[in-house]
Amino acid sequence: MEKLTVGANDAGQRLDKFLTKTFRNLPKSMMYKFIRTKKIKVNRKRAEIGQMLAENDTVELFLPPEFLEREQSDSLFKNIRPSFGVVYEDENLLICNKPVGMLSHADKEGEKNTLIEHVKAYLWQKGEYSPEDEQSFAPALCNRIDRNTCGLVLAAKNAETLRVMNEKIKKRAISKFYLCRVHGVPKQKEATLTGYLKKDADANKVEIFQTVPKNARYADDYKRIVTKYRVLAAVGDEAILEVELVTGRTHQIRAHMASIGHPLLGDGKYAENSADRKSGVFRQALCSYKLRFEQDEPSVLDYLEGKTFALDMDKIPFCKGLNG
């Protein structure tokens, strides 16, 4: 028999979700059977599959040992020296400045030197995260940006913050702004671009359409996108833009700007970048530089409403020395 006490980061979730995260070797079919036959109890009473857990609840499992094996936590982060900038931090939230070249999460190649591992290392070294004290929660990123895009990424320190942040992002209660440097100077100094984006997961690339093609086999594959831009400065035949993501799709800024004839400097996926490479620009000139918390429903993050967090434009490599 194993007895678990529900901690703050495990409270507020369904029993079956909690068990699935905690015991990776427990098949769902067997889990449901064990709940029905009272082999799994909550507070020493019969449990329900969808029962919501509260802090300090006890979960008792009268199961064979093979179902109670837990996945060993990966301790790679304990050997990492954190190498990201801290833009803002409180007891709930961490706003990171991710450097160019670092993945947000592990990819299918299995690279582990990622931002989330650096965040775990940072919090572990501060004494704010200990995997041994958690049943199923680990610090998590609330948004992500491409490997070769730098800038602001939000990380939740606890489960309640993660739930709130996921809901805020879903409702667009956090406005996200980017800076980019593009080829050519748009004729319209400020505009709202709309279209439809279709993702090719195998090629890790997207395509932009003005309307959903009439002969589209699966219309749902075409996601509506809205991208706002404003020209901040023109330098010869290039321009610095502030871009607001109204929707947030894969490669949206890169593909949308390329579709109107203004691809990002250094972007070899959506433009020919051989000339850029010769001039020393090897990655897309794109930075997630500003986040604004909008008015929203009451939550543990009410104190952030109306606040804006931004990077210093002069410290972004492709923006240095500009006269707007």
Protein backbone atom coordinates (compact mmCIF):
# COMPACT_ATOMS: atom_id res chain seq x y z
CA MET A 1 0.00 0.00 0.00
CA GLU A 2 1.19 3.50 -0.81
CA LYS A 3 -0.17 6.66 0.76
CA LEU A 4 0.28 10.11 -0.77
CA THR A 5 -0.56 13.51 0.65
CA VAL A 6 -1.74 16.04 -1.92
CA GLY A 7 0.43 19.17 -1.95
CA ALA A 8 -0.45 22.68 -3.09
CA ASN A 9 0.82 22.03 -6.63
CA ASP A 10 -1.31 18.88 -6.99
CA ALA A 11 -4.52 20.37 -5.59
CA GLY A 12 -7.30 21.47 -7.90
CA GLN A 13 -6.96 18.60 -10.37
CA ARG A 14 -8.94 15.45 -10.99
CA LEU A 15 -7.93 12.24 -9.26
CA ASP A 16 -7.39 10.37 -12.54
CA LYS A 17 -5.16 13.17 -13.91
CA PHE A 18 -3.11 13.18 -10.72
CA LEU A 19 -2.63 9.40 -10.82
CA THR A 20 -1.68 9.41 -14.52
CA LYS A 21 1.05 11.99 -13.92
CA THR A 22 2.36 10.34 -10.75
CA PHE A 23 2.36 6.66 -11.76
CA ARG A 24 3.49 6.25 -15.38
CA ASN A 25 3.22 2.44 -15.21
CA LEU A 26 -0.44 2.45 -14.18
CA PRO A 27 -2.59 1.82 -17.31
CA LYS A 28 -5.73 3.93 -17.44
CA SER A 29 -7.98 0.89 -17.80
CA MET A 30 -6.52 -0.65 -14.64
CA MET A 31 -6.65 2.69 -12.82
CA TYR A 32 -10.38 3.04 -13.51
CA LYS A 33 -10.95 -0.55 -12.37
CA PHE A 34 -8.99 0.00 -9.15
CA ILE A 35 -11.01 3.15 -8.39
CA ARG A 36 -14.30 1.32 -8.99
CA THR A 37 -13.25 -1.62 -6.78
CA LYS A 38 -12.06 0.70 -3.97
CA LYS A 39 -8.40 -0.27 -4.34
CA ILE A 40 -7.74 3.46 -4.65
CA LYS A 41 -9.26 5.67 -1.96
CA VAL A 42 -9.25 9.36 -1.10
CA ASN A 43 -9.28 10.30 2.57
CA ARG A 44 -9.91 6.61 3.37
CA LYS A 45 -13.22 6.73 1.50
CA ARG A 46 -14.47 5.44 -1.84
CA ALA A 47 -13.12 7.65 -4.62
CA GLU A 48 -14.65 8.89 -7.87
CA ILE A 49 -12.73 9.04 -11.16
CA GLY A 50 -13.38 12.75 -11.66
CA GLN A 51 -13.04 13.71 -8.00
CA MET A 52 -11.25 17.01 -7.50
CA LEU A 53 -8.34 16.86 -5.08
CA ALA A 54 -7.70 19.44 -2.38
CA GLU A 55 -4.50 20.25 -0.54
CA ASN A 56 -3.79 17.79 2.30
CA ASP A 57 -6.13 15.13 0.88
CA THR A 58 -4.68 11.62 1.24
CA VAL A 59 -4.66 9.12 -1.62
CA GLU A 60 -4.24 5.45 -0.67
CA LEU A 61 -3.38 2.84 -3.28
CA PHE A 62 -3.73 -0.87 -2.42
CA LEU A 63 -2.01 -2.03 -5.62
CA PRO A 64 0.73 -4.45 -6.71
CA PRO A 65 4.20 -2.81 -6.62
CA GLU A 66 4.66 -2.86 -10.41
CA PHE A 67 1.84 -0.32 -10.78
CA LEU A 68 3.38 2.00 -8.19
CA GLU A 69 6.74 2.55 -9.83
CA ARG A 70 7.46 6.20 -10.47
CA GLU A 71 9.45 7.67 -13.31
CA GLN A 72 12.79 8.86 -12.02
CA SER A 73 13.05 12.63 -12.26
CA ASP A 74 15.68 13.78 -14.71
CA SER A 75 18.30 15.59 -12.65
CA LEU A 76 20.21 17.03 -15.61
CA PHE A 77 19.26 20.53 -14.47
CA LYS A 78 21.29 20.06 -11.29
CA ASN A 79 24.46 20.22 -13.41
CA ILE A 80 23.46 23.32 -15.38
CA ARG A 81 24.70 26.85 -14.82
CA PRO A 82 21.67 28.99 -15.72
CA SER A 83 22.36 31.22 -18.70
CA PHE A 84 19.27 33.32 -19.33
CA GLY A 85 18.34 36.81 -18.24
CA VAL A 86 15.79 37.46 -15.49
CA VAL A 87 13.53 40.34 -16.53
CA TYR A 88 11.01 39.97 -13.70
CA GLU A 89 10.42 37.56 -10.83
CA ASP A 90 8.04 37.06 -7.92
CA GLU A 91 6.82 34.08 -5.88
CA ASN A 92 4.58 32.90 -8.75
CA LEU A 93 6.12 33.94 -12.05
CA LEU A 94 9.47 34.26 -13.77
CA ILE A 95 9.92 36.26 -16.98
CA CYS A 96 13.04 35.04 -18.79
CA ASN A 97 15.10 36.57 -21.56
CA LYS A 98 15.94 33.53 -23.69
CA PRO A 99 19.17 33.81 -25.67
CA VAL A 100 19.42 33.03 -29.38
CA GLY A 101 20.34 29.41 -30.07
CA MET A 102 18.58 27.88 -27.05
CA LEU A 103 15.51 25.68 -27.45
CA SER A 104 12.53 26.38 -25.22
CA HIS A 105 11.76 22.67 -24.76
CA ALA A 106 13.45 19.43 -25.80
CA ASP A 107 12.93 18.58 -29.47
CA LYS A 108 12.44 15.19 -31.11
CA GLU A 109 16.22 14.82 -31.30
CA GLY A 110 16.19 14.82 -27.50
CA GLU A 111 18.33 17.89 -26.82
CA LYS A 112 18.14 18.61 -23.10
CA ASN A 113 20.09 21.89 -22.81
CA THR A 114 16.85 23.87 -23.00
CA LEU A 115 15.36 26.94 -21.39
CA ILE A 116 13.03 24.92 -19.17
CA GLU A 117 16.01 22.96 -17.80
CA HIS A 118 17.85 26.23 -17.14
CA VAL A 119 14.74 27.53 -15.32
CA LYS A 120 14.62 24.40 -13.16
CA ALA A 121 18.34 24.81 -12.40
CA TYR A 122 17.84 28.46 -11.44
CA LEU A 123 14.93 27.71 -9.09
CA TRP A 124 16.64 24.63 -7.62
CA GLN A 125 19.78 26.63 -6.83
CA LYS A 126 17.61 29.26 -5.13
CA GLY A 127 15.89 26.56 -3.07
CA GLU A 128 12.51 27.23 -4.69
CA TYR A 129 12.17 23.90 -6.50
CA SER A 130 12.84 20.38 -5.29
CA PRO A 131 11.55 17.49 -7.44
CA GLU A 132 11.73 15.20 -4.42
CA ASP A 133 9.02 17.30 -2.74
CA GLU A 134 6.60 17.20 -5.69
CA GLN A 135 4.27 14.40 -6.78
CA SER A 136 3.58 15.54 -10.34
CA PHE A 137 4.45 19.24 -10.79
CA ALA A 138 7.58 20.82 -12.22
CA PRO A 139 8.17 24.47 -13.20
CA ALA A 140 6.81 25.01 -16.70
CA LEU A 141 6.99 27.50 -19.56
CA CYS A 142 3.72 29.22 -20.39
CA ASN A 143 4.77 30.19 -23.92
CA ARG A 144 7.63 29.33 -26.23
CA ILE A 145 9.65 30.96 -28.97
CA ASP A 146 11.84 29.44 -31.70
CA ARG A 147 15.43 28.41 -31.03
CA ASN A 148 16.82 31.31 -33.08
CA THR A 149 14.37 33.89 -31.73
CA CYS A 150 15.48 35.66 -28.56
CA GLY A 151 13.43 37.38 -25.90
CA LEU A 152 10.73 37.07 -23.29
CA VAL A 153 9.35 33.73 -22.14
CA LEU A 154 7.02 33.27 -19.16
CA ALA A 155 7.65 30.48 -16.63
CA ALA A 156 5.25 29.38 -13.88
CA LYS A 157 6.70 28.46 -10.50
CA ASN A 158 3.57 26.67 -9.26
CA ALA A 159 0.56 24.82 -10.61
CA GLU A 160 -2.00 27.53 -9.87
CA THR A 161 0.05 30.11 -11.78
CA LEU A 162 0.42 27.71 -14.70
CA ARG A 163 -3.35 27.19 -14.86
CA VAL A 164 -4.02 30.94 -14.71
CA MET A 165 -1.36 31.75 -17.31
CA ASN A 166 -2.63 29.09 -19.72
CA GLU A 167 -6.10 30.58 -19.42
CA LYS A 168 -4.83 34.15 -19.90
CA ILE A 169 -2.92 33.19 -23.04
CA LYS A 170 -5.93 31.30 -24.38
CA LYS A 171 -8.16 34.36 -23.82
CA ARG A 172 -5.47 36.72 -25.18
CA ALA A 173 -5.31 38.56 -21.87
CA ILE A 174 -1.56 38.92 -22.41
CA SER A 175 -0.50 41.09 -25.34
CA LYS A 176 2.74 39.99 -27.02
CA PHE A 177 4.97 42.33 -29.03
CA TYR A 178 8.04 41.51 -31.12
CA LEU A 179 10.75 43.51 -32.84
CA CYS A 180 12.02 42.37 -36.22
CA ARG A 181 14.24 43.68 -38.98
CA VAL A 182 12.92 43.13 -42.50
CA HIS A 183 14.06 43.54 -46.07
CA GLY A 184 12.44 46.57 -47.67
CA VAL A 185 10.40 49.32 -46.03
CA PRO A 186 6.63 48.67 -46.03
CA LYS A 187 4.66 51.37 -47.84
CA GLN A 188 2.07 51.35 -45.07
CA LYS A 189 3.79 52.51 -41.91
CA GLU A 190 1.16 50.75 -39.79
CA ALA A 191 -1.20 47.92 -40.78
CA THR A 192 -3.18 44.91 -39.63
CA LEU A 193 -2.52 41.80 -41.72
CA THR A 194 -4.99 38.93 -41.89
CA GLY A 195 -4.87 35.56 -43.56
CA TYR A 196 -4.89 31.82 -43.05
CA LEU A 197 -1.93 29.72 -42.00
CA LYS A 198 -1.46 26.07 -42.91
CA LYS A 199 1.23 24.09 -41.11
CA ASP A 200 3.37 21.34 -42.64
CA ALA A 201 4.58 19.52 -39.53
CA ASP A 202 6.93 17.22 -41.46
CA ALA A 203 8.77 20.15 -43.04
CA ASN A 204 8.43 22.34 -39.93
CA LYS A 205 7.16 25.12 -42.15
CA VAL A 206 3.94 27.04 -42.71
CA GLU A 207 2.23 28.62 -45.70
CA ILE A 208 0.06 31.75 -45.74
CA PHE A 209 -3.17 32.10 -47.73
CA GLN A 210 -5.45 35.13 -48.08
CA THR A 211 -8.50 32.86 -48.02
CA VAL A 212 -9.09 29.17 -47.46
CA PRO A 213 -8.68 27.48 -50.87
CA LYS A 214 -12.00 26.31 -52.31
CA ASN A 215 -10.51 22.89 -53.06
CA ALA A 216 -9.03 22.49 -49.54
CA ARG A 217 -9.42 18.90 -48.40
CA TYR A 218 -9.48 19.81 -44.71
CA ALA A 219 -10.62 23.39 -44.15
CA ASP A 220 -9.79 23.13 -40.43
CA ASP A 221 -6.09 22.86 -41.34
CA TYR A 222 -6.19 26.56 -42.28
CA LYS A 223 -5.99 28.69 -39.13
CA ARG A 224 -7.00 32.34 -39.25
CA ILE A 225 -4.19 34.71 -38.26
CA VAL A 226 -4.01 38.41 -37.42
CA THR A 227 -0.68 40.26 -37.29
CA LYS A 228 -0.30 43.99 -36.55
CA TYR A 229 2.88 45.85 -37.43
CA ARG A 230 4.26 49.38 -37.05
CA VAL A 231 7.40 50.74 -38.71
CA LEU A 232 9.73 52.12 -36.05
CA ALA A 233 12.74 52.97 -38.18
CA ALA A 234 14.01 52.70 -41.76
CA VAL A 235 17.67 52.07 -42.49
CA GLY A 236 18.35 52.18 -46.23
CA ASP A 237 16.36 49.35 -47.77
CA GLU A 238 15.62 47.71 -44.41
CA ALA A 239 13.17 48.48 -41.61
CA ILE A 240 12.70 47.79 -37.92
CA LEU A 241 9.12 46.83 -37.10
CA GLU A 242 7.18 46.42 -33.89
CA VAL A 243 4.81 43.50 -34.41
CA GLU A 244 1.86 42.58 -32.21
CA LEU A 245 0.69 38.98 -32.38
CA VAL A 246 -3.09 39.08 -32.14
CA THR A 247 -3.09 35.36 -32.84
CA GLY A 248 -0.12 33.17 -32.01
CA ARG A 249 0.63 30.50 -34.60
CA THR A 250 3.83 28.69 -35.55
CA HIS A 251 6.24 30.99 -37.45
CA GLN A 252 3.40 33.51 -37.85
CA ILE A 253 5.51 36.67 -37.99
CA ARG A 254 8.21 35.17 -40.22
CA ALA A 255 5.76 33.73 -42.73
CA HIS A 256 3.28 36.61 -42.67
CA MET A 257 5.92 39.28 -43.31
CA ALA A 258 7.50 37.16 -46.06
CA SER A 259 4.06 36.79 -47.69
CA ILE A 260 3.80 40.57 -48.18
CA GLY A 261 7.30 40.83 -49.61
CA HIS A 262 9.19 41.81 -46.46
CA PRO A 263 10.98 38.71 -45.12
CA LEU A 264 13.07 38.95 -41.97
CA LEU A 265 16.81 39.39 -42.28
CA GLY A 266 18.61 36.10 -41.86
CA ASP A 267 15.50 33.95 -42.35
CA GLY A 268 16.48 31.08 -44.63
CA LYS A 269 13.19 29.21 -44.17
CA TYR A 270 10.89 31.83 -45.68
CA ALA A 271 13.34 33.65 -47.94
CA GLU A 272 16.66 33.30 -49.69
CA ASN A 273 19.24 34.41 -47.14
CA SER A 274 22.58 33.83 -48.89
CA ALA A 275 23.27 37.60 -49.07
CA ASP A 276 22.39 37.95 -45.39
CA ARG A 277 24.80 35.16 -44.49
CA LYS A 278 27.59 36.83 -46.46
CA SER A 279 27.00 39.99 -44.45
CA GLY A 280 27.18 38.02 -41.16
CA VAL A 281 23.46 37.57 -40.41
CA PHE A 282 22.86 33.84 -39.83
CA ARG A 283 19.57 33.82 -37.90
CA GLN A 284 16.20 35.53 -38.28
CA ALA A 285 16.23 39.05 -36.82
CA LEU A 286 13.34 38.53 -34.42
CA CYS A 287 12.95 39.23 -30.71
CA SER A 288 10.03 38.81 -28.30
CA TYR A 289 10.61 42.12 -26.56
CA LYS A 290 7.43 43.18 -24.73
CA LEU A 291 4.54 41.63 -22.78
CA ARG A 292 1.52 43.44 -21.37
CA PHE A 293 -0.93 42.00 -18.85
CA GLU A 294 -4.46 43.10 -19.74
CA GLN A 295 -7.49 43.39 -17.46
CA ASP A 296 -8.89 39.95 -16.73
CA GLU A 297 -10.98 37.91 -14.31
CA PRO A 298 -9.82 37.72 -10.67
CA SER A 299 -6.90 35.37 -10.05
CA VAL A 300 -3.68 34.95 -8.06
CA LEU A 301 -2.01 37.20 -10.64
CA ASP A 302 -4.30 40.23 -10.26
CA TYR A 303 -1.34 42.36 -9.17
CA LEU A 304 0.15 42.11 -12.67
CA GLU A 305 -2.82 43.61 -14.51
CA GLY A 306 -1.90 46.73 -16.46
CA LYS A 307 1.83 46.06 -16.14
CA THR A 308 4.20 45.94 -19.11
CA PHE A 309 7.57 44.19 -19.20
CA ALA A 310 9.99 45.01 -22.00
CA LEU A 311 13.60 44.64 -23.07
CA ASP A 312 15.75 47.66 -23.79
CA MET A 313 15.63 48.10 -27.56
CA ASP A 314 19.24 49.28 -27.67
CA LYS A 315 20.38 45.94 -26.24
CA ILE A 316 18.81 43.91 -29.05
CA PRO A 317 21.64 43.27 -31.55
CA PHE A 318 19.75 44.03 -34.76
CA CYS A 319 18.38 47.29 -33.31
CA LYS A 320 21.62 48.84 -32.08
CA GLY A 321 22.62 52.27 -33.36
CA LEU A 322 19.28 53.09 -35.00
CA ASN A 323 17.96 56.57 -35.51
CA GLY A 324 14.21 56.17 -35.79
